[in-house]
Amino acid sequence: MATGPLIPAWLTPRGESPRLRACRPGRITRRSPLGVEPRRCLRVMDQVHPMKEASAMKLIPAALIAATLATPAAALEPLSQEKYINDRLIAARIADRIRRTCPSIDGRILYAYGEARKLKRYAESKGYSRAEIDAFLDSRPDKQRIYAVAEDYLTRQGAKAAEPESFCRIGRQEIARNTVIGSLLVAK
């Protein structure tokens, strides 16, 4: 049986679902009541019985599962080495430090929460389990590493712990440049 586009039942008369192959792009005609069509436009291939179509659809998920199980699992790098995730967590820490230190800048808490959920979904889509993600987020060495990188960035940008205005200046720059850090902040 040759393949072609399957016309939905709601487009054909009396609920028929014929398989059709177009001879010229953009030309679609219906099957005539007598079953005869001009061959120059369409060729009626076979009529698919709805039960046969349904049983074929049941095989697709089984085939996909079998193909997935047959392929070897790709070795995932540790979450502490996943660049995208670490960069986002560092940006979140920098934004948190700015919002806590600068009195004229506030954090977009609900937006940050949504971004955290997106980041978790991203990690899950890469193949990390929830247990691996939670273990990474609770890991003291990883937290210390992220905090150290964030503090280093703030120091290089000129932030001084004794001067809250230095944090405000960095925060305003990040907001103006519309960076990931700036997207988590809002000026009061």
Protein backbone atom coordinates (compact mmCIF):
# COMPACT_ATOMS: atom_id res chain seq x y z
CA MET A 1 0.00 0.00 0.00
CA ALA A 2 1.43 3.39 -0.98
CA THR A 3 1.37 6.20 1.52
CA GLY A 4 -0.17 9.60 1.10
CA PRO A 5 -1.95 12.22 3.15
CA LEU A 6 -4.87 10.91 5.16
CA ILE A 7 -7.88 13.16 4.74
CA PRO A 8 -9.77 13.50 8.04
CA ALA A 9 -13.28 12.07 8.15
CA TRP A 10 -14.82 15.48 8.77
CA LEU A 11 -13.51 16.69 5.36
CA THR A 12 -14.93 13.81 3.32
CA PRO A 13 -18.57 12.96 2.61
CA ARG A 14 -20.25 10.29 4.73
CA GLY A 15 -17.22 9.95 7.00
CA GLU A 16 -15.00 8.21 4.41
CA SER A 17 -11.23 8.36 4.98
CA PRO A 18 -9.56 7.54 1.66
CA ARG A 19 -5.77 7.60 1.29
CA LEU A 20 -4.91 9.97 -1.52
CA ARG A 21 -1.71 10.92 -3.31
CA ALA A 22 -1.60 14.34 -4.99
CA CYS A 23 -0.16 14.44 -8.52
CA ARG A 24 0.28 18.21 -8.45
CA PRO A 25 1.01 20.16 -5.29
CA GLY A 26 -1.98 22.02 -3.92
CA ARG A 27 -4.64 20.06 -5.84
CA ILE A 28 -6.98 17.97 -3.72
CA THR A 29 -10.28 16.60 -4.92
CA ARG A 30 -12.68 14.22 -3.23
CA ARG A 31 -13.42 10.69 -4.26
CA SER A 32 -16.50 10.63 -6.46
CA PRO A 33 -19.57 8.58 -5.45
CA LEU A 34 -18.69 6.03 -8.14
CA GLY A 35 -15.08 5.71 -6.97
CA VAL A 36 -13.64 7.14 -10.20
CA GLU A 37 -11.27 10.11 -10.15
CA PRO A 38 -9.31 11.84 -12.90
CA ARG A 39 -5.78 10.40 -12.59
CA ARG A 40 -4.15 13.71 -13.43
CA CYS A 41 -5.10 15.20 -10.05
CA LEU A 42 -5.32 12.44 -7.47
CA ARG A 43 -4.95 8.74 -7.26
CA VAL A 44 -7.15 6.90 -4.80
CA MET A 45 -4.93 4.34 -3.13
CA ASP A 46 -6.91 2.32 -0.62
CA GLN A 47 -9.53 3.01 1.92
CA VAL A 48 -8.22 2.46 5.44
CA HIS A 49 -10.56 0.72 7.81
CA PRO A 50 -10.77 2.71 11.09
CA MET A 51 -10.01 -0.37 13.22
CA LYS A 52 -6.85 -1.16 11.23
CA GLU A 53 -5.73 2.43 11.63
CA ALA A 54 -6.36 2.31 15.41
CA SER A 55 -4.41 -0.93 15.84
CA ALA A 56 -1.48 0.54 13.91
CA MET A 57 -1.54 3.58 16.21
CA LYS A 58 -1.28 1.30 19.25
CA LEU A 59 1.98 -0.14 17.91
CA ILE A 60 3.73 3.22 17.63
CA PRO A 61 4.25 3.81 21.39
CA ALA A 62 5.43 0.23 21.85
CA ALA A 63 7.93 0.65 19.00
CA LEU A 64 9.19 3.93 20.47
CA ILE A 65 9.67 2.37 23.90
CA ALA A 66 11.51 -0.60 22.39
CA ALA A 67 13.78 1.72 20.39
CA THR A 68 14.51 3.80 23.49
CA LEU A 69 15.39 0.77 25.58
CA ALA A 70 17.59 -0.65 22.83
CA THR A 71 19.82 2.44 22.62
CA PRO A 72 22.56 2.80 25.22
CA ALA A 73 22.04 5.61 27.72
CA ALA A 74 24.32 8.58 27.15
CA ALA A 75 26.56 9.32 30.10
CA LEU A 76 25.48 12.58 31.68
CA GLU A 77 28.06 14.99 32.95
CA PRO A 78 27.66 15.94 36.61
CA LEU A 79 25.27 18.83 37.24
CA SER A 80 28.15 20.80 38.73
CA GLN A 81 29.72 20.85 35.24
CA GLU A 82 26.53 21.68 33.29
CA LYS A 83 27.34 25.21 32.07
CA TYR A 84 23.82 26.52 31.41
CA ILE A 85 22.50 25.42 34.80
CA ASN A 86 25.51 26.73 36.71
CA ASP A 87 25.45 30.09 34.89
CA ARG A 88 21.77 30.56 35.78
CA LEU A 89 22.35 29.62 39.42
CA ILE A 90 25.29 32.03 39.66
CA ALA A 91 23.18 34.81 38.10
CA ALA A 92 20.41 34.10 40.63
CA ARG A 93 22.90 34.31 43.50
CA ILE A 94 24.29 37.62 42.21
CA ALA A 95 20.78 39.06 41.88
CA ASP A 96 19.89 37.84 45.37
CA ARG A 97 23.02 39.46 46.83
CA ILE A 98 22.22 42.75 45.07
CA ARG A 99 18.58 42.81 46.22
CA ARG A 100 19.56 42.07 49.83
CA THR A 101 22.30 44.73 49.94
CA CYS A 102 20.89 47.58 47.84
CA PRO A 103 17.93 49.43 49.40
CA SER A 104 16.72 50.90 46.06
CA ILE A 105 16.54 47.59 44.14
CA ASP A 106 14.11 44.78 44.77
CA GLY A 107 13.93 41.23 43.47
CA ARG A 108 11.30 39.85 41.11
CA ILE A 109 10.55 36.92 43.39
CA LEU A 110 7.69 35.33 41.44
CA TYR A 111 9.62 35.64 38.17
CA ALA A 112 12.69 34.12 39.83
CA TYR A 113 10.57 31.25 41.13
CA GLY A 114 9.26 30.62 37.61
CA GLU A 115 12.79 30.69 36.22
CA ALA A 116 13.90 28.20 38.88
CA ARG A 117 11.10 25.84 37.84
CA LYS A 118 12.12 26.23 34.17
CA LEU A 119 15.69 25.41 35.12
CA LYS A 120 14.55 22.28 36.95
CA ARG A 121 12.48 21.21 33.92
CA TYR A 122 15.52 21.84 31.71
CA ALA A 123 17.65 19.57 33.89
CA GLU A 124 14.95 16.88 33.85
CA SER A 125 14.69 17.12 30.05
CA LYS A 126 18.46 16.58 29.82
CA GLY A 127 17.98 13.28 31.65
CA TYR A 128 18.82 14.15 35.25
CA SER A 129 16.57 12.58 37.88
CA ARG A 130 14.83 14.61 40.57
CA ALA A 131 17.03 12.94 43.17
CA GLU A 132 20.18 14.06 41.31
CA ILE A 133 18.84 17.61 41.00
CA ASP A 134 17.91 17.80 44.69
CA ALA A 135 21.27 16.34 45.72
CA PHE A 136 23.06 18.96 43.60
CA LEU A 137 21.01 21.83 45.05
CA ASP A 138 21.60 20.59 48.62
CA SER A 139 25.33 19.97 48.10
CA ARG A 140 27.35 22.25 50.38
CA PRO A 141 30.51 22.25 48.17
CA ASP A 142 28.46 23.19 45.09
CA LYS A 143 26.71 26.00 46.99
CA GLN A 144 30.05 27.32 48.22
CA ARG A 145 31.46 27.21 44.69
CA ILE A 146 28.46 29.10 43.26
CA TYR A 147 28.58 31.69 46.07
CA ALA A 148 32.34 32.17 45.54
CA VAL A 149 31.93 32.74 41.79
CA ALA A 150 29.11 35.22 42.46
CA GLU A 151 31.19 37.14 45.03
CA ASP A 152 34.15 37.19 42.63
CA TYR A 153 31.94 38.67 39.89
CA LEU A 154 30.59 41.35 42.23
CA THR A 155 34.12 42.21 43.41
CA ARG A 156 35.36 42.51 39.81
CA GLN A 157 32.43 44.84 39.06
CA GLY A 158 33.44 47.08 41.97
CA ALA A 159 31.05 46.04 44.73
CA LYS A 160 32.22 46.76 48.26
CA ALA A 161 30.48 45.25 51.30
CA ALA A 162 30.67 48.56 53.21
CA GLU A 163 29.07 50.53 50.32
CA PRO A 164 25.51 49.47 49.46
CA GLU A 165 25.47 52.05 46.66
CA SER A 166 28.13 50.03 44.80
CA PHE A 167 25.68 47.11 44.69
CA CYS A 168 22.93 49.48 43.51
CA ARG A 169 25.14 50.72 40.66
CA ILE A 170 25.84 47.14 39.54
CA GLY A 171 22.15 46.27 39.82
CA ARG A 172 21.10 49.28 37.70
CA GLN A 173 23.71 48.35 35.07
CA GLU A 174 22.45 44.77 34.92
CA ILE A 175 18.83 45.96 34.62
CA ALA A 176 19.77 48.43 31.85
CA ARG A 177 21.70 45.77 29.90
CA ASN A 178 18.76 43.34 30.34
CA THR A 179 21.01 40.49 31.43
CA VAL A 180 19.84 37.36 33.23
CA ILE A 181 20.84 39.04 36.49
CA GLY A 182 18.96 42.21 35.52
CA SER A 183 15.84 40.25 34.61
CA LEU A 184 15.65 39.05 38.23
CA LEU A 185 15.82 42.61 39.60
CA VAL A 186 13.58 45.67 39.56
CA ALA A 187 14.34 49.25 40.65
CA LYS A 188 12.02 50.55 43.39
